[in-house]
Protein backbone atom coordinates (compact mmCIF):
# COMPACT_ATOMS: atom_id res chain seq x y z
CA MET A 1 -0.14 0.08 0.27
CA ASP A 2 1.18 3.40 -1.03
CA LEU A 3 1.19 5.31 2.44
CA THR A 4 1.78 8.82 0.22
CA THR A 5 -1.80 8.10 -1.56
CA VAL A 6 -3.26 6.71 1.81
CA LEU A 7 -1.97 9.38 4.07
CA GLY A 8 -2.51 12.51 1.37
CA LEU A 9 -6.76 11.18 1.39
CA VAL A 10 -6.94 10.99 5.01
CA LEU A 11 -4.80 14.45 6.22
CA GLY A 12 -7.07 16.14 3.25
CA LEU A 13 -10.41 14.73 4.80
CA ALA A 14 -9.35 15.34 8.20
CA GLY A 15 -8.25 18.91 7.60
CA LEU A 16 -11.30 19.93 5.84
CA VAL A 17 -14.06 18.33 8.39
CA GLY A 18 -11.77 19.27 11.07
CA GLY A 19 -11.68 22.86 10.13
CA TYR A 20 -15.54 22.76 9.40
CA MET A 21 -16.63 21.34 12.92
CA TRP A 22 -14.07 23.73 14.86
CA ASP A 23 -16.17 26.51 13.68
CA GLY A 24 -19.19 24.51 15.17
CA GLY A 25 -20.27 22.81 12.54
CA HIS A 26 -22.10 19.10 12.65
CA ILE A 27 -20.89 16.10 10.76
CA ASN A 28 -24.25 15.13 9.94
CA SER A 29 -25.23 18.41 8.24
CA LEU A 30 -22.31 17.28 5.79
CA ILE A 31 -23.98 14.04 4.75
CA ILE A 32 -26.72 14.57 2.46
CA PRO A 33 -27.62 11.51 0.79
CA SER A 34 -29.84 13.09 -2.32
CA ALA A 35 -26.34 15.38 -3.21
CA MET A 36 -23.98 12.72 -3.14
CA LEU A 37 -26.43 10.63 -5.84
CA ILE A 38 -26.57 13.70 -7.60
CA VAL A 39 -22.75 14.56 -7.48
CA PHE A 40 -21.22 11.19 -7.96
CA GLY A 41 -24.04 9.66 -9.79
CA GLY A 42 -23.60 12.30 -12.31
CA THR A 43 -20.04 12.21 -12.53
CA PHE A 44 -19.56 8.70 -12.98
CA GLY A 45 -22.46 9.24 -15.56
CA ALA A 46 -20.42 11.55 -17.52
CA VAL A 47 -17.08 9.84 -17.06
CA ALA A 48 -18.86 6.87 -18.68
CA ILE A 49 -20.11 8.70 -21.65
CA SER A 50 -16.52 10.14 -22.42
CA PHE A 51 -14.91 6.76 -22.58
CA PRO A 52 -15.44 3.30 -24.16
CA LEU A 53 -15.94 0.62 -21.93
CA SER A 54 -12.05 -0.82 -22.79
CA ILE A 55 -10.47 2.08 -20.50
CA LEU A 56 -13.54 2.04 -17.86
CA ALA A 57 -12.69 -1.69 -16.88
CA LYS A 58 -9.28 -0.65 -16.35
CA ILE A 59 -10.25 1.65 -13.54
CA PRO A 60 -9.36 -1.46 -10.85
CA LYS A 61 -5.79 -1.33 -12.36
CA ALA A 62 -5.50 2.54 -12.32
CA LEU A 63 -6.50 2.68 -8.59
CA SER A 64 -3.66 -0.53 -8.01
CA ILE A 65 -1.56 1.83 -9.52
CA ALA A 66 -2.28 4.95 -7.34
CA PHE A 67 -2.64 2.96 -4.29
CA LYS A 68 -0.35 -0.13 -4.62
CA GLU A 69 3.33 1.03 -3.82
CA VAL A 70 5.88 -0.64 -5.98
CA LYS A 71 9.32 -0.96 -4.84
CA ARG A 72 11.66 0.04 -7.65
CA ASP A 73 15.52 -0.28 -7.55
CA PRO A 74 17.22 0.65 -10.52
CA GLY A 75 20.48 0.25 -9.00
CA ALA A 76 19.88 -3.36 -8.34
CA THR A 77 18.66 -3.36 -12.07
CA ILE A 78 22.15 -1.98 -13.31
CA ASP A 79 23.76 -4.32 -11.65
CA GLU A 80 22.16 -7.01 -12.69
CA LEU A 81 22.46 -5.61 -16.38
CA VAL A 82 26.21 -5.66 -16.19
CA ASP A 83 26.88 -9.04 -14.79
CA MET A 84 24.91 -10.42 -17.87
CA ALA A 85 27.06 -8.47 -20.00
CA SER A 86 30.26 -9.81 -18.48
CA ILE A 87 28.76 -13.39 -18.64
CA ALA A 88 27.83 -12.26 -22.26
CA ARG A 89 31.15 -11.24 -23.35
CA ARG A 90 32.74 -14.20 -21.73
CA GLU A 91 30.51 -17.00 -22.89
CA GLY A 92 28.47 -15.58 -25.34
CA VAL A 93 24.79 -14.32 -25.02
CA LEU A 94 23.60 -17.86 -25.30
CA ALA A 95 24.56 -18.40 -22.00
CA LEU A 96 21.76 -15.79 -20.83
CA GLU A 97 19.07 -18.37 -22.04
CA GLN A 98 18.16 -19.89 -19.04
CA ARG A 99 18.52 -16.83 -16.78
CA ALA A 100 16.35 -14.90 -19.32
CA GLN A 101 13.37 -17.55 -19.59
CA GLU A 102 13.57 -17.35 -15.50
CA HIS A 103 13.35 -13.64 -15.24
CA THR A 104 10.24 -12.07 -13.21
CA ASN A 105 10.13 -8.74 -15.61
CA PRO A 106 8.09 -9.70 -18.43
CA PHE A 107 9.85 -6.21 -20.48
CA LEU A 108 13.90 -7.19 -19.63
CA LYS A 109 12.61 -10.85 -20.38
CA ASP A 110 11.52 -10.64 -23.92
CA GLY A 111 14.38 -8.07 -24.77
CA LEU A 112 17.17 -10.48 -23.10
CA LEU A 113 15.31 -13.28 -25.40
CA MET A 114 15.56 -11.46 -28.71
CA VAL A 115 19.48 -10.92 -28.02
CA VAL A 116 19.93 -14.69 -27.18
CA ASP A 117 17.61 -15.57 -30.74
CA GLY A 118 20.13 -13.28 -32.47
CA THR A 119 17.36 -10.69 -33.35
CA ASP A 120 18.71 -7.50 -35.24
CA PRO A 121 19.55 -4.80 -33.12
CA GLU A 122 17.30 -2.49 -34.56
CA LEU A 123 14.70 -4.52 -34.89
CA THR A 124 14.97 -5.07 -30.83
CA ARG A 125 14.99 -1.43 -30.36
CA GLN A 126 11.57 -0.48 -32.40
CA ILE A 127 10.06 -3.99 -30.51
CA LEU A 128 10.65 -2.45 -26.94
CA GLU A 129 10.22 1.07 -28.09
CA LEU A 130 6.73 -0.18 -29.07
CA GLU A 131 5.99 -2.01 -25.72
CA MET A 132 7.10 1.36 -23.93
CA ASP A 133 4.67 3.48 -25.65
CA ALA A 134 2.16 1.17 -25.19
CA ILE A 135 2.29 0.79 -21.78
CA GLU A 136 2.54 4.81 -21.54
CA HIS A 137 -0.22 5.15 -23.70
CA GLN A 138 -2.35 3.00 -21.47
CA VAL A 139 -1.09 4.47 -18.20
CA ASN A 140 -2.18 8.12 -19.81
CA ASN A 141 -5.51 6.70 -20.84
CA MET A 142 -5.90 5.87 -17.02
CA SER A 143 -5.03 9.08 -16.14
CA LYS A 144 -7.59 11.08 -18.14
CA VAL A 145 -10.73 8.96 -16.80
CA PHE A 146 -9.83 10.45 -13.10
CA GLU A 147 -8.98 13.91 -15.16
CA ALA A 148 -12.17 13.70 -16.59
CA GLY A 149 -14.14 13.11 -13.15
CA GLY A 150 -12.20 16.31 -11.57
CA GLY A 151 -13.55 18.01 -14.63
CA TYR A 152 -17.08 16.96 -14.18
CA ALA A 153 -17.77 16.77 -10.59
CA PRO A 154 -17.84 20.63 -9.84
CA THR A 155 -20.07 20.97 -12.45
CA MET A 156 -22.30 18.42 -11.22
CA GLY A 157 -21.96 19.94 -7.86
CA ILE A 158 -23.06 23.48 -9.47
CA ILE A 159 -26.00 21.45 -10.91
CA GLY A 160 -26.89 19.80 -7.81
CA THR A 161 -26.95 23.03 -5.91
CA VAL A 162 -29.40 24.86 -8.61
CA MET A 163 -31.71 21.95 -8.53
CA GLY A 164 -31.71 22.18 -4.52
CA LEU A 165 -32.11 26.47 -4.87
CA ILE A 166 -35.10 25.28 -7.25
CA HIS A 167 -36.65 22.91 -4.87
CA VAL A 168 -36.16 25.52 -2.21
CA LEU A 169 -37.75 28.35 -4.24
CA GLY A 170 -40.27 26.29 -5.08
CA ASN A 171 -41.57 26.11 -1.14
CA LEU A 172 -41.36 29.30 0.05
CA ASP A 173 -44.54 28.79 2.43
CA ASP A 174 -42.16 27.83 5.60
CA PRO A 175 -39.76 31.07 5.62
CA SER A 176 -37.86 29.29 8.41
CA SER A 177 -37.02 26.53 6.65
CA LEU A 178 -35.24 28.21 3.91
CA GLY A 179 -31.63 28.37 5.81
CA PRO A 180 -31.48 24.84 6.30
CA ALA A 181 -32.75 24.23 2.80
CA ILE A 182 -30.39 26.30 1.09
CA ALA A 183 -27.22 24.69 3.28
CA VAL A 184 -28.42 21.81 1.86
CA ALA A 185 -28.22 22.89 -1.38
CA PHE A 186 -24.90 24.32 -1.73
CA THR A 187 -23.65 20.85 -0.01
CA ALA A 188 -23.55 19.79 -3.57
CA THR A 189 -21.29 21.96 -4.80
CA LEU A 190 -19.25 21.08 -1.59
CA TYR A 191 -19.19 17.51 -2.59
CA GLY A 192 -18.20 18.26 -6.25
CA VAL A 193 -15.49 20.54 -5.74
CA MET A 194 -13.92 18.51 -3.00
CA SER A 195 -13.77 15.29 -4.87
CA ALA A 196 -12.31 16.65 -8.10
CA ASN A 197 -9.70 18.22 -5.77
CA LEU A 198 -9.20 15.68 -3.14
CA VAL A 199 -9.64 12.60 -5.04
CA TYR A 200 -10.23 12.74 -9.08
CA LEU A 201 -7.30 15.09 -9.77
CA PRO A 202 -4.77 14.08 -7.32
CA ILE A 203 -5.20 10.30 -8.04
CA ALA A 204 -4.74 11.08 -12.17
CA ASN A 205 -1.36 12.99 -10.93
CA LYS A 206 -0.19 10.17 -9.24
CA ILE A 207 -1.01 7.58 -11.65
CA LYS A 208 1.00 9.74 -14.23
CA VAL A 209 4.16 9.77 -11.71
CA ARG A 210 3.93 6.04 -11.66
CA GLY A 211 3.54 5.69 -15.54
CA LYS A 212 6.74 8.13 -15.72
CA GLU A 213 8.66 5.67 -13.30
CA MET A 214 7.52 2.81 -15.12
CA VAL A 215 8.95 4.39 -18.30
CA SER A 216 11.77 5.49 -17.18
CA GLU A 217 12.73 2.20 -15.63
CA MET A 218 12.14 0.68 -19.56
CA GLU A 219 14.23 3.08 -21.00
CA LEU A 220 16.78 1.88 -18.39
CA MET A 221 16.25 -2.12 -19.21
CA LEU A 222 16.50 -1.13 -23.01
CA GLU A 223 19.88 0.74 -23.35
CA GLY A 224 21.40 -2.09 -20.93
CA ILE A 225 19.74 -4.62 -23.37
CA LEU A 226 21.38 -3.05 -26.46
CA ALA A 227 24.58 -2.35 -25.14
CA LEU A 228 25.02 -6.07 -24.13
CA GLN A 229 23.77 -7.09 -27.34
CA ALA A 230 26.91 -4.80 -28.94
CA GLY A 231 29.10 -6.49 -26.56
CA GLU A 232 29.90 -3.48 -24.98
CA ASN A 233 32.32 -3.54 -22.17
CA PRO A 234 30.51 -3.98 -18.94
CA GLN A 235 32.22 -1.04 -17.14
CA LEU A 236 31.09 1.21 -19.63
CA ILE A 237 27.62 -0.01 -19.41
CA LYS A 238 27.39 0.69 -15.73
CA LYS A 239 28.39 4.08 -16.12
CA LYS A 240 26.21 4.45 -19.36
CA LEU A 241 23.12 3.27 -17.29
CA ASN A 242 24.05 5.23 -13.86
CA SER A 243 23.33 8.20 -15.94
CA PHE A 244 19.48 6.93 -15.34
CA LEU A 245 20.15 7.35 -11.31
CA HIS A 246 20.82 11.41 -11.65
CA ASP A 247 18.07 14.19 -12.66
CA LYS A 248 20.60 15.40 -15.27
CA PRO A 249 22.17 12.53 -17.55
CA THR A 250 26.16 12.93 -17.13
CA LYS A 251 28.33 12.83 -19.90
CA ILE A 252 30.22 9.78 -20.83
CA VAL A 253 33.59 10.43 -22.30
CA VAL A 254 35.33 7.55 -23.75
CA GLU A 255 38.93 8.33 -24.69
CA GLU A 256 40.68 5.95 -27.42
CA ASP A 257 44.63 5.43 -26.79
CA ALA A 258 46.34 6.51 -30.19
CA ASP A 259 48.51 3.50 -29.62
CA ASN A 260 47.08 0.57 -28.79
CA GLY A 261 43.17 1.43 -29.39
CA ALA A 262 42.51 1.03 -25.61
CA GLU A 263 39.52 2.37 -23.90
CA ARG A 264 40.23 4.11 -21.17
């Protein structure tokens, strides 16, 4: 479980509700089933209209990305790729076949198997980049669903408030009930704005961040696989891949000895 997502939701709700109750408000006055039905039902309906079923079916997976913490260790991945590069230089790429077959990361597994099979390096790059693009596109679609919810929810809140005010203005016979009725009407706006800015939009951003992390990890693996396939020096591969651990890639300078052509 990703603690930052859960704690963020809990702290956000606690801050809003706590601040309201601090000024003497009652929690019961915030629980209006009719307003919930209008705002959340209307929002879900608008989102359902906006996206095909194939994308909506991935909402559970999107929530899993946002709430489930995936531990990534790029340093360990680099060490693994360097180790495999050393084996490939000593024994040939065929020595990696068993290791590739048993690897748990599907992207790295596919890349290594293509190397073992002798696939052309350019074709290997193209296939792996297509896989990366597919993952990135899928994650972006997931985030757009929640972004759409964040856009529709405030509008549905306003619609709920207007509908509540229409009901209020249609029952002016009892002036003493106008205050509570208007308060109930504006609760719909609260639901819409709160859910958009505390749930939908933050979750959309979290999905985007997770997606970038996934793509960055695959870029690292791609460069490592291609370097391994090219038979590059394992230490140079390590220096190259270490650039992914920094915000700004470091420039690698490879000097060649003019006398013996040795790399330093």
